[in-house]
Amino acid sequence: MSRVALLQQLMCVSALLSTTPERQLQKLVVEYEKFQRERLPVCTHERGELVETSCTIMDLKNVGVGQFWKVRAGVRRRSAVHQD
């Protein structure tokens, strides 16, 4: 079994902070369904073996320290949902 690494860049912190947790969860579920439906089959085909898990690396390069502490709870919620 193989694992694919996904790189995500946190683009717009203000948009993340102004969105409700429920809306963030809805978007996360849609993205996860897309991941299962589109990305995993392509990764499986390319690797030639079953790929059914992933490791997400979040790039926080343009996020300041003050902003990081504001988005930390959201990042933790996303992480918890991904692990369940």
C-alpha atoms as a PDB file:
ATOM      1  CA  MET A   1       0.000   0.000   0.000  1.00  0.00           C
ATOM      2  CA  SER A   2       1.327   3.437  -0.942  1.00  0.00           C
ATOM      3  CA  ARG A   3       0.627   6.889   0.431  1.00  0.00           C
ATOM      4  CA  VAL A   4       0.408  10.096  -1.580  1.00  0.00           C
ATOM      5  CA  ALA A   5       1.710  13.412  -0.219  1.00  0.00           C
ATOM      6  CA  LEU A   6      -0.520  16.442  -0.765  1.00  0.00           C
ATOM      7  CA  LEU A   7       0.933  19.936  -0.521  1.00  0.00           C
ATOM      8  CA  GLN A   8      -1.550  22.649   0.429  1.00  0.00           C
ATOM      9  CA  GLN A   9      -0.851  26.338   0.677  1.00  0.00           C
ATOM     10  CA  LEU A  10      -2.964  28.438   3.003  1.00  0.00           C
ATOM     11  CA  MET A  11      -3.814  31.222   0.566  1.00  0.00           C
ATOM     12  CA  CYS A  12      -6.276  33.624   2.145  1.00  0.00           C
ATOM     13  CA  VAL A  13      -6.223  33.754   5.926  1.00  0.00           C
ATOM     14  CA  SER A  14      -8.870  36.495   6.121  1.00  0.00           C
ATOM     15  CA  ALA A  15     -11.317  34.361   4.114  1.00  0.00           C
ATOM     16  CA  LEU A  16     -10.670  31.423   6.413  1.00  0.00           C
ATOM     17  CA  LEU A  17     -11.257  33.541   9.502  1.00  0.00           C
ATOM     18  CA  SER A  18     -14.491  35.043   8.170  1.00  0.00           C
ATOM     19  CA  THR A  19     -16.031  31.669   7.284  1.00  0.00           C
ATOM     20  CA  THR A  20     -18.113  29.788   9.837  1.00  0.00           C
ATOM     21  CA  PRO A  21     -16.784  26.468  11.170  1.00  0.00           C
ATOM     22  CA  GLU A  22     -19.800  24.718   9.627  1.00  0.00           C
ATOM     23  CA  ARG A  23     -18.977  26.137   6.181  1.00  0.00           C
ATOM     24  CA  GLN A  24     -15.325  25.165   6.600  1.00  0.00           C
ATOM     25  CA  LEU A  25     -16.413  21.613   7.422  1.00  0.00           C
ATOM     26  CA  GLN A  26     -18.693  21.480   4.366  1.00  0.00           C
ATOM     27  CA  LYS A  27     -15.851  22.599   2.110  1.00  0.00           C
ATOM     28  CA  LEU A  28     -13.518  20.059   3.693  1.00  0.00           C
ATOM     29  CA  VAL A  29     -15.994  17.232   3.080  1.00  0.00           C
ATOM     30  CA  VAL A  30     -16.402  18.268  -0.575  1.00  0.00           C
ATOM     31  CA  GLU A  31     -12.616  18.366  -1.017  1.00  0.00           C
ATOM     32  CA  TYR A  32     -12.222  14.946   0.617  1.00  0.00           C
ATOM     33  CA  GLU A  33     -14.882  13.414  -1.633  1.00  0.00           C
ATOM     34  CA  LYS A  34     -13.095  14.887  -4.656  1.00  0.00           C
ATOM     35  CA  PHE A  35      -9.827  13.463  -3.346  1.00  0.00           C
ATOM     36  CA  GLN A  36     -11.332   9.974  -3.102  1.00  0.00           C
ATOM     37  CA  ARG A  37     -13.168  10.167  -6.423  1.00  0.00           C
ATOM     38  CA  GLU A  38     -10.489  11.813  -8.576  1.00  0.00           C
ATOM     39  CA  ARG A  39      -7.027  11.908  -7.023  1.00  0.00           C
ATOM     40  CA  LEU A  40      -6.692   8.472  -5.426  1.00  0.00           C
ATOM     41  CA  PRO A  41      -7.588   6.573  -8.623  1.00  0.00           C
ATOM     42  CA  VAL A  42      -5.032   8.596 -10.614  1.00  0.00           C
ATOM     43  CA  CYS A  43      -2.346   8.005  -7.971  1.00  0.00           C
ATOM     44  CA  THR A  44      -3.160   4.286  -7.931  1.00  0.00           C
ATOM     45  CA  HIS A  45      -2.873   4.125 -11.717  1.00  0.00           C
ATOM     46  CA  GLU A  46       0.421   6.032 -11.755  1.00  0.00           C
ATOM     47  CA  ARG A  47       1.999   3.966  -8.947  1.00  0.00           C
ATOM     48  CA  GLY A  48       0.718   0.656 -10.250  1.00  0.00           C
ATOM     49  CA  GLU A  49      -0.399  -0.277  -6.733  1.00  0.00           C
ATOM     50  CA  LEU A  50      -3.282   0.634  -4.461  1.00  0.00           C
ATOM     51  CA  VAL A  51      -3.035   4.132  -2.950  1.00  0.00           C
ATOM     52  CA  GLU A  52      -5.672   4.711  -0.295  1.00  0.00           C
ATOM     53  CA  THR A  53      -4.091   7.091   2.215  1.00  0.00           C
ATOM     54  CA  SER A  54      -2.417  10.476   2.083  1.00  0.00           C
ATOM     55  CA  CYS A  55      -0.204  12.785   4.075  1.00  0.00           C
ATOM     56  CA  THR A  56      -1.044  16.486   3.841  1.00  0.00           C
ATOM     57  CA  ILE A  57       1.666  19.089   4.254  1.00  0.00           C
ATOM     58  CA  MET A  58       0.351  22.604   4.789  1.00  0.00           C
ATOM     59  CA  ASP A  59       2.555  25.471   3.616  1.00  0.00           C
ATOM     60  CA  LEU A  60       2.187  28.389   6.025  1.00  0.00           C
ATOM     61  CA  LYS A  61       4.927  30.464   4.395  1.00  0.00           C
ATOM     62  CA  ASN A  62       2.869  33.662   3.998  1.00  0.00           C
ATOM     63  CA  VAL A  63       1.071  33.354   7.334  1.00  0.00           C
ATOM     64  CA  GLY A  64       2.325  35.620  10.101  1.00  0.00           C
ATOM     65  CA  VAL A  65       2.696  34.494  13.706  1.00  0.00           C
ATOM     66  CA  GLY A  66      -0.367  36.477  14.797  1.00  0.00           C
ATOM     67  CA  GLN A  67      -2.449  35.016  11.996  1.00  0.00           C
ATOM     68  CA  PHE A  68      -1.188  31.512  12.704  1.00  0.00           C
ATOM     69  CA  TRP A  69      -2.621  31.536  16.224  1.00  0.00           C
ATOM     70  CA  LYS A  70      -5.969  32.669  14.801  1.00  0.00           C
ATOM     71  CA  VAL A  71      -6.166  29.868  12.230  1.00  0.00           C
ATOM     72  CA  ARG A  72      -4.661  27.177  14.453  1.00  0.00           C
ATOM     73  CA  ALA A  73      -8.046  25.911  15.685  1.00  0.00           C
ATOM     74  CA  GLY A  74      -9.315  25.576  12.124  1.00  0.00           C
ATOM     75  CA  VAL A  75      -6.205  23.685  11.059  1.00  0.00           C
ATOM     76  CA  ARG A  76      -6.631  21.316  14.004  1.00  0.00           C
ATOM     77  CA  ARG A  77     -10.300  20.698  13.106  1.00  0.00           C
ATOM     78  CA  ARG A  78      -9.313  19.922   9.517  1.00  0.00           C
ATOM     79  CA  SER A  79      -6.633  17.559  10.722  1.00  0.00           C
ATOM     80  CA  ALA A  80      -9.049  15.742  13.027  1.00  0.00           C
ATOM     81  CA  VAL A  81     -11.595  15.306  10.222  1.00  0.00           C
ATOM     82  CA  HIS A  82      -8.919  13.970   7.865  1.00  0.00           C
ATOM     83  CA  GLN A  83      -7.791  11.419  10.429  1.00  0.00           C
ATOM     84  CA  ASP A  84     -11.302  10.086  11.130  1.00  0.00           C
END
